Amino acid sequence: MNITPAEMLSLRDLLGMEMQALATAKASEKLITHDELKTLSQSTIHAIEARIMALQKFIEDNEVIALKGVQ
C-alpha cells in the first residue's frame, strides 16, 4: 500500500514527537526519587518505546523508505 506525501510528513512528525518525548522522559527519570513516580516514568518510557517500534515496523512493512547498503 502506498502512502501519500501528506501521510509521510505525518509519519515523520509522529516519529519525531515520540523520539523527543523518549529523550525527555529518560532525562527526567534520572532526577526522580519518589518510588511511585519512578515506576510511572518507567512505564511511560516503555510505552513510548513500543510506539516507536510500531512506527518503525510500519515504515519497514510499507517500504516507506528504501534501505540500501553502501554502494
PDB file of N, CA and C in Angstrom:
ATOM      1  N   MET A   1       0.861  -1.172   0.000  1.00  0.00           N
ATOM      2  CA  MET A   1       0.000   0.000   0.000  1.00  0.00           C
ATOM      3  C   MET A   1       0.907   1.234   0.000  1.00  0.00           C
ATOM      4  N   ASN A   2       0.638   2.145  -0.897  1.00  0.00           N
ATOM      5  CA  ASN A   2       1.401   3.392  -0.964  1.00  0.00           C
ATOM      6  C   ASN A   2       0.795   4.420  -0.024  1.00  0.00           C
ATOM      7  N   ILE A   3       1.657   5.234   0.551  1.00  0.00           N
ATOM      8  CA  ILE A   3       1.151   6.317   1.384  1.00  0.00           C
ATOM      9  C   ILE A   3       1.398   7.634   0.665  1.00  0.00           C
ATOM     10  N   THR A   4       0.563   8.590   0.950  1.00  0.00           N
ATOM     11  CA  THR A   4       0.642   9.891   0.293  1.00  0.00           C
ATOM     12  C   THR A   4       1.772  10.722   0.900  1.00  0.00           C
ATOM     13  N   PRO A   5       2.198  11.765   0.183  1.00  0.00           N
ATOM     14  CA  PRO A   5       3.210  12.659   0.761  1.00  0.00           C
ATOM     15  C   PRO A   5       2.762  13.268   2.094  1.00  0.00           C
ATOM     16  N   ALA A   6       1.492  13.598   2.212  1.00  0.00           N
ATOM     17  CA  ALA A   6       0.977  14.155   3.467  1.00  0.00           C
ATOM     18  C   ALA A   6       1.076  13.126   4.590  1.00  0.00           C
ATOM     19  N   GLU A   7       0.808  11.875   4.270  1.00  0.00           N
ATOM     20  CA  GLU A   7       0.924  10.812   5.276  1.00  0.00           C
ATOM     21  C   GLU A   7       2.387  10.597   5.669  1.00  0.00           C
ATOM     22  N   MET A   8       3.300  10.728   4.703  1.00  0.00           N
ATOM     23  CA  MET A   8       4.725  10.619   5.015  1.00  0.00           C
ATOM     24  C   MET A   8       5.156  11.705   5.986  1.00  0.00           C
ATOM     25  N   LEU A   9       4.680  12.919   5.752  1.00  0.00           N
ATOM     26  CA  LEU A   9       5.001  14.018   6.664  1.00  0.00           C
ATOM     27  C   LEU A   9       4.438  13.759   8.053  1.00  0.00           C
ATOM     28  N   SER A  10       3.218  13.269   8.105  1.00  0.00           N
ATOM     29  CA  SER A  10       2.602  12.952   9.398  1.00  0.00           C
ATOM     30  C   SER A  10       3.387  11.867  10.118  1.00  0.00           C
ATOM     31  N   LEU A  11       3.809  10.855   9.376  1.00  0.00           N
ATOM     32  CA  LEU A  11       4.591   9.768   9.947  1.00  0.00           C
ATOM     33  C   LEU A  11       5.917  10.292  10.496  1.00  0.00           C
ATOM     34  N   ARG A  12       6.582  11.145   9.723  1.00  0.00           N
ATOM     35  CA  ARG A  12       7.842  11.741  10.171  1.00  0.00           C
ATOM     36  C   ARG A  12       7.627  12.560  11.445  1.00  0.00           C
ATOM     37  N   ASP A  13       6.552  13.347  11.462  1.00  0.00           N
ATOM     38  CA  ASP A  13       6.259  14.166  12.641  1.00  0.00           C
ATOM     39  C   ASP A  13       5.941  13.308  13.862  1.00  0.00           C
ATOM     40  N   LEU A  14       5.150  12.255  13.667  1.00  0.00           N
ATOM     41  CA  LEU A  14       4.824  11.350  14.783  1.00  0.00           C
ATOM     42  C   LEU A  14       6.082  10.713  15.355  1.00  0.00           C
ATOM     43  N   LEU A  15       6.950  10.231  14.472  1.00  0.00           N
ATOM     44  CA  LEU A  15       8.179   9.600  14.931  1.00  0.00           C
ATOM     45  C   LEU A  15       9.067  10.612  15.650  1.00  0.00           C
ATOM     46  N   GLY A  16       9.142  11.814  15.118  1.00  0.00           N
ATOM     47  CA  GLY A  16       9.934  12.867  15.766  1.00  0.00           C
ATOM     48  C   GLY A  16       9.409  13.225  17.142  1.00  0.00           C
ATOM     49  N   MET A  17       8.096  13.324  17.267  1.00  0.00           N
ATOM     50  CA  MET A  17       7.495  13.648  18.569  1.00  0.00           C
ATOM     51  C   MET A  17       7.778  12.545  19.589  1.00  0.00           C
ATOM     52  N   GLU A  18       7.660  11.297  19.148  1.00  0.00           N
ATOM     53  CA  GLU A  18       7.910  10.175  20.062  1.00  0.00           C
ATOM     54  C   GLU A  18       9.385  10.134  20.482  1.00  0.00           C
ATOM     55  N   MET A  19      10.285  10.405  19.538  1.00  0.00           N
ATOM     56  CA  MET A  19      11.715  10.401  19.865  1.00  0.00           C
ATOM     57  C   MET A  19      12.036  11.509  20.872  1.00  0.00           C
ATOM     58  N   GLN A  20      11.444  12.679  20.674  1.00  0.00           N
ATOM     59  CA  GLN A  20      11.664  13.794  21.602  1.00  0.00           C
ATOM     60  C   GLN A  20      11.092  13.465  22.982  1.00  0.00           C
ATOM     61  N   ALA A  21       9.902  12.878  22.994  1.00  0.00           N
ATOM     62  CA  ALA A  21       9.276  12.501  24.265  1.00  0.00           C
ATOM     63  C   ALA A  21      10.128  11.467  25.000  1.00  0.00           C
ATOM     64  N   LEU A  22      10.695  10.523  24.254  1.00  0.00           N
ATOM     65  CA  LEU A  22      11.533   9.497  24.871  1.00  0.00           C
ATOM     66  C   LEU A  22      12.796  10.115  25.478  1.00  0.00           C
ATOM     67  N   ALA A  23      13.436  11.002  24.739  1.00  0.00           N
ATOM     68  CA  ALA A  23      14.643  11.655  25.252  1.00  0.00           C
ATOM     69  C   ALA A  23      14.334  12.448  26.517  1.00  0.00           C
ATOM     70  N   THR A  24      13.233  13.172  26.509  1.00  0.00           N
ATOM     71  CA  THR A  24      12.830  13.968  27.674  1.00  0.00           C
ATOM     72  C   THR A  24      12.514  13.072  28.866  1.00  0.00           C
ATOM     73  N   ALA A  25      11.753  12.003  28.612  1.00  0.00           N
ATOM     74  CA  ALA A  25      11.370  11.095  29.693  1.00  0.00           C
ATOM     75  C   ALA A  25      12.593  10.423  30.314  1.00  0.00           C
ATOM     76  N   LYS A  26      13.538  10.006  29.482  1.00  0.00           N
ATOM     77  CA  LYS A  26      14.743   9.351  30.010  1.00  0.00           C
ATOM     78  C   LYS A  26      15.604  10.323  30.810  1.00  0.00           C
ATOM     79  N   ALA A  27      15.703  11.553  30.345  1.00  0.00           N
ATOM     80  CA  ALA A  27      16.486  12.551  31.077  1.00  0.00           C
ATOM     81  C   ALA A  27      15.824  12.889  32.410  1.00  0.00           C
ATOM     82  N   SER A  28      14.509  13.009  32.399  1.00  0.00           N
ATOM     83  CA  SER A  28      13.769  13.356  33.615  1.00  0.00           C
ATOM     84  C   SER A  28      13.783  12.223  34.630  1.00  0.00           C
ATOM     85  N   GLU A  29      13.771  10.990  34.144  1.00  0.00           N
ATOM     86  CA  GLU A  29      13.707   9.831  35.035  1.00  0.00           C
ATOM     87  C   GLU A  29      14.894   9.812  36.008  1.00  0.00           C
ATOM     88  N   LYS A  30      16.039  10.260  35.548  1.00  0.00           N
ATOM     89  CA  LYS A  30      17.234  10.251  36.389  1.00  0.00           C
ATOM     90  C   LYS A  30      17.099  11.165  37.597  1.00  0.00           C
ATOM     91  N   LEU A  31      16.189  12.125  37.515  1.00  0.00           N
ATOM     92  CA  LEU A  31      16.001  13.089  38.601  1.00  0.00           C
ATOM     93  C   LEU A  31      14.904  12.680  39.585  1.00  0.00           C
ATOM     94  N   ILE A  32      14.159  11.651  39.250  1.00  0.00           N
ATOM     95  CA  ILE A  32      13.013  11.245  40.068  1.00  0.00           C
ATOM     96  C   ILE A  32      13.476  10.352  41.215  1.00  0.00           C
ATOM     97  N   THR A  33      13.047  10.705  42.424  1.00  0.00           N
ATOM     98  CA  THR A  33      13.400   9.906  43.601  1.00  0.00           C
ATOM     99  C   THR A  33      12.183   9.204  44.214  1.00  0.00           C
ATOM    100  N   HIS A  34      10.994   9.724  43.964  1.00  0.00           N
ATOM    101  CA  HIS A  34       9.762   9.144  44.509  1.00  0.00           C
ATOM    102  C   HIS A  34       9.501   7.807  43.813  1.00  0.00           C
ATOM    103  N   ASP A  35       9.357   6.724  44.591  1.00  0.00           N
ATOM    104  CA  ASP A  35       9.226   5.375  44.029  1.00  0.00           C
ATOM    105  C   ASP A  35       8.051   5.216  43.074  1.00  0.00           C
ATOM    106  N   GLU A  36       6.886   5.689  43.475  1.00  0.00           N
ATOM    107  CA  GLU A  36       5.694   5.532  42.638  1.00  0.00           C
ATOM    108  C   GLU A  36       5.828   6.328  41.343  1.00  0.00           C
ATOM    109  N   LEU A  37       6.357   7.523  41.443  1.00  0.00           N
ATOM    110  CA  LEU A  37       6.551   8.358  40.257  1.00  0.00           C
ATOM    111  C   LEU A  37       7.611   7.754  39.340  1.00  0.00           C
ATOM    112  N   LYS A  38       8.645   7.145  39.915  1.00  0.00           N
ATOM    113  CA  LYS A  38       9.693   6.495  39.113  1.00  0.00           C
ATOM    114  C   LYS A  38       9.097   5.318  38.337  1.00  0.00           C
ATOM    115  N   THR A  39       8.236   4.547  38.993  1.00  0.00           N
ATOM    116  CA  THR A  39       7.577   3.423  38.323  1.00  0.00           C
ATOM    117  C   THR A  39       6.705   3.918  37.171  1.00  0.00           C
ATOM    118  N   LEU A  40       5.968   4.979  37.414  1.00  0.00           N
ATOM    119  CA  LEU A  40       5.130   5.568  36.369  1.00  0.00           C
ATOM    120  C   LEU A  40       5.984   6.064  35.205  1.00  0.00           C
ATOM    121  N   SER A  41       7.091   6.689  35.514  1.00  0.00           N
ATOM    122  CA  SER A  41       8.004   7.185  34.483  1.00  0.00           C
ATOM    123  C   SER A  41       8.562   6.034  33.649  1.00  0.00           C
ATOM    124  N   GLN A  42       8.940   4.950  34.306  1.00  0.00           N
ATOM    125  CA  GLN A  42       9.480   3.789  33.588  1.00  0.00           C
ATOM    126  C   GLN A  42       8.440   3.166  32.674  1.00  0.00           C
ATOM    127  N   SER A  43       7.201   3.090  33.129  1.00  0.00           N
ATOM    128  CA  SER A  43       6.172   2.512  32.275  1.00  0.00           C
ATOM    129  C   SER A  43       5.847   3.444  31.105  1.00  0.00           C
ATOM    130  N   THR A  44       5.971   4.737  31.327  1.00  0.00           N
ATOM    131  CA  THR A  44       5.789   5.697  30.233  1.00  0.00           C
ATOM    132  C   THR A  44       6.882   5.508  29.187  1.00  0.00           C
ATOM    133  N   ILE A  45       8.106   5.328  29.639  1.00  0.00           N
ATOM    134  CA  ILE A  45       9.232   5.109  28.719  1.00  0.00           C
ATOM    135  C   ILE A  45       9.005   3.841  27.899  1.00  0.00           C
ATOM    136  N   HIS A  46       8.547   2.776  28.537  1.00  0.00           N
ATOM    137  CA  HIS A  46       8.274   1.524  27.818  1.00  0.00           C
ATOM    138  C   HIS A  46       7.174   1.716  26.772  1.00  0.00           C
ATOM    139  N   ALA A  47       6.151   2.486  27.117  1.00  0.00           N
ATOM    140  CA  ALA A  47       5.055   2.736  26.180  1.00  0.00           C
ATOM    141  C   ALA A  47       5.544   3.541  24.971  1.00  0.00           C
ATOM    142  N   ILE A  48       6.369   4.545  25.225  1.00  0.00           N
ATOM    143  CA  ILE A  48       6.917   5.344  24.126  1.00  0.00           C
ATOM    144  C   ILE A  48       7.781   4.465  23.225  1.00  0.00           C
ATOM    145  N   GLU A  49       8.633   3.633  23.824  1.00  0.00           N
ATOM    146  CA  GLU A  49       9.486   2.738  23.035  1.00  0.00           C
ATOM    147  C   GLU A  49       8.648   1.797  22.178  1.00  0.00           C
ATOM    148  N   ALA A  50       7.533   1.309  22.714  1.00  0.00           N
ATOM    149  CA  ALA A  50       6.652   0.422  21.951  1.00  0.00           C
ATOM    150  C   ALA A  50       6.031   1.165  20.761  1.00  0.00           C
ATOM    151  N   ARG A  51       5.644   2.419  20.980  1.00  0.00           N
ATOM    152  CA  ARG A  51       5.074   3.197  19.866  1.00  0.00           C
ATOM    153  C   ARG A  51       6.115   3.465  18.787  1.00  0.00           C
ATOM    154  N   ILE A  52       7.348   3.740  19.198  1.00  0.00           N
ATOM    155  CA  ILE A  52       8.423   3.966  18.234  1.00  0.00           C
ATOM    156  C   ILE A  52       8.665   2.695  17.413  1.00  0.00           C
ATOM    157  N   MET A  53       8.703   1.549  18.088  1.00  0.00           N
ATOM    158  CA  MET A  53       8.900   0.287  17.372  1.00  0.00           C
ATOM    159  C   MET A  53       7.760   0.013  16.398  1.00  0.00           C
ATOM    160  N   ALA A  54       6.529   0.341  16.789  1.00  0.00           N
ATOM    161  CA  ALA A  54       5.379   0.146  15.901  1.00  0.00           C
ATOM    162  C   ALA A  54       5.494   1.046  14.667  1.00  0.00           C
ATOM    163  N   LEU A  55       5.918   2.286  14.871  1.00  0.00           N
ATOM    164  CA  LEU A  55       6.110   3.192  13.731  1.00  0.00           C
ATOM    165  C   LEU A  55       7.231   2.684  12.820  1.00  0.00           C
ATOM    166  N   GLN A  56       8.323   2.209  13.414  1.00  0.00           N
ATOM    167  CA  GLN A  56       9.423   1.673  12.614  1.00  0.00           C
ATOM    168  C   GLN A  56       8.993   0.440  11.828  1.00  0.00           C
ATOM    169  N   LYS A  57       8.183  -0.405  12.444  1.00  0.00           N
ATOM    170  CA  LYS A  57       7.672  -1.596  11.754  1.00  0.00           C
ATOM    171  C   LYS A  57       6.772  -1.182  10.596  1.00  0.00           C
ATOM    172  N   PHE A  58       5.932  -0.186  10.820  1.00  0.00           N
ATOM    173  CA  PHE A  58       5.062   0.302   9.749  1.00  0.00           C
ATOM    174  C   PHE A  58       5.909   0.806   8.578  1.00  0.00           C
ATOM    175  N   ILE A  59       6.955   1.561   8.893  1.00  0.00           N
ATOM    176  CA  ILE A  59       7.840   2.099   7.858  1.00  0.00           C
ATOM    177  C   ILE A  59       8.489   0.957   7.067  1.00  0.00           C
ATOM    178  N   GLU A  60       8.970  -0.051   7.784  1.00  0.00           N
ATOM    179  CA  GLU A  60       9.605  -1.188   7.132  1.00  0.00           C
ATOM    180  C   GLU A  60       8.611  -2.001   6.312  1.00  0.00           C
ATOM    181  N   ASP A  61       7.470  -2.325   6.912  1.00  0.00           N
ATOM    182  CA  ASP A  61       6.470  -3.155   6.243  1.00  0.00           C
ATOM    183  C   ASP A  61       5.905  -2.499   4.991  1.00  0.00           C
ATOM    184  N   ASN A  62       5.807  -1.180   5.010  1.00  0.00           N
ATOM    185  CA  ASN A  62       5.222  -0.462   3.882  1.00  0.00           C
ATOM    186  C   ASN A  62       6.272   0.154   2.965  1.00  0.00           C
ATOM    187  N   GLU A  63       7.525  -0.209   3.199  1.00  0.00           N
ATOM    188  CA  GLU A  63       8.636   0.255   2.377  1.00  0.00           C
ATOM    189  C   GLU A  63       8.560   1.763   2.133  1.00  0.00           C
ATOM    190  N   VAL A  64       8.352   2.498   3.243  1.00  0.00           N
ATOM    191  CA  VAL A  64       8.225   3.945   3.164  1.00  0.00           C
ATOM    192  C   VAL A  64       9.534   4.578   2.709  1.00  0.00           C
ATOM    193  N   ILE A  65      10.656   4.015   3.162  1.00  0.00           N
ATOM    194  CA  ILE A  65      11.954   4.485   2.707  1.00  0.00           C
ATOM    195  C   ILE A  65      12.727   3.298   2.173  1.00  0.00           C
ATOM    196  N   ALA A  66      13.525   3.549   1.172  1.00  0.00           N
ATOM    197  CA  ALA A  66      14.345   2.477   0.603  1.00  0.00           C
ATOM    198  C   ALA A  66      15.627   2.379   1.411  1.00  0.00           C
ATOM    199  N   LEU A  67      15.870   1.222   1.958  1.00  0.00           N
ATOM    200  CA  LEU A  67      17.098   0.980   2.720  1.00  0.00           C
ATOM    201  C   LEU A  67      18.029   0.163   1.846  1.00  0.00           C
ATOM    202  N   LYS A  68      19.143   0.770   1.465  1.00  0.00           N
ATOM    203  CA  LYS A  68      20.127   0.089   0.631  1.00  0.00           C
ATOM    204  C   LYS A  68      21.474   0.147   1.310  1.00  0.00           C
ATOM    205  N   GLY A  69      22.285  -0.826   1.043  1.00  0.00           N
ATOM    206  CA  GLY A  69      23.633  -0.850   1.571  1.00  0.00           C
ATOM    207  C   GLY A  69      24.495   0.232   0.934  1.00  0.00           C
ATOM    208  N   VAL A  70      25.665   0.438   1.490  1.00  0.00           N
ATOM    209  CA  VAL A  70      26.601   1.405   0.956  1.00  0.00           C
ATOM    210  C   VAL A  70      27.079   0.913  -0.399  1.00  0.00           C
ATOM    211  N   GLN A  71      27.089   1.815  -1.363  1.00  0.00           N
ATOM    212  CA  GLN A  71      27.472   1.447  -2.731  1.00  0.00           C
ATOM    213  C   GLN A  71      28.893   1.833  -3.006  1.00  0.00           C
TER     214      GLN A  71
END
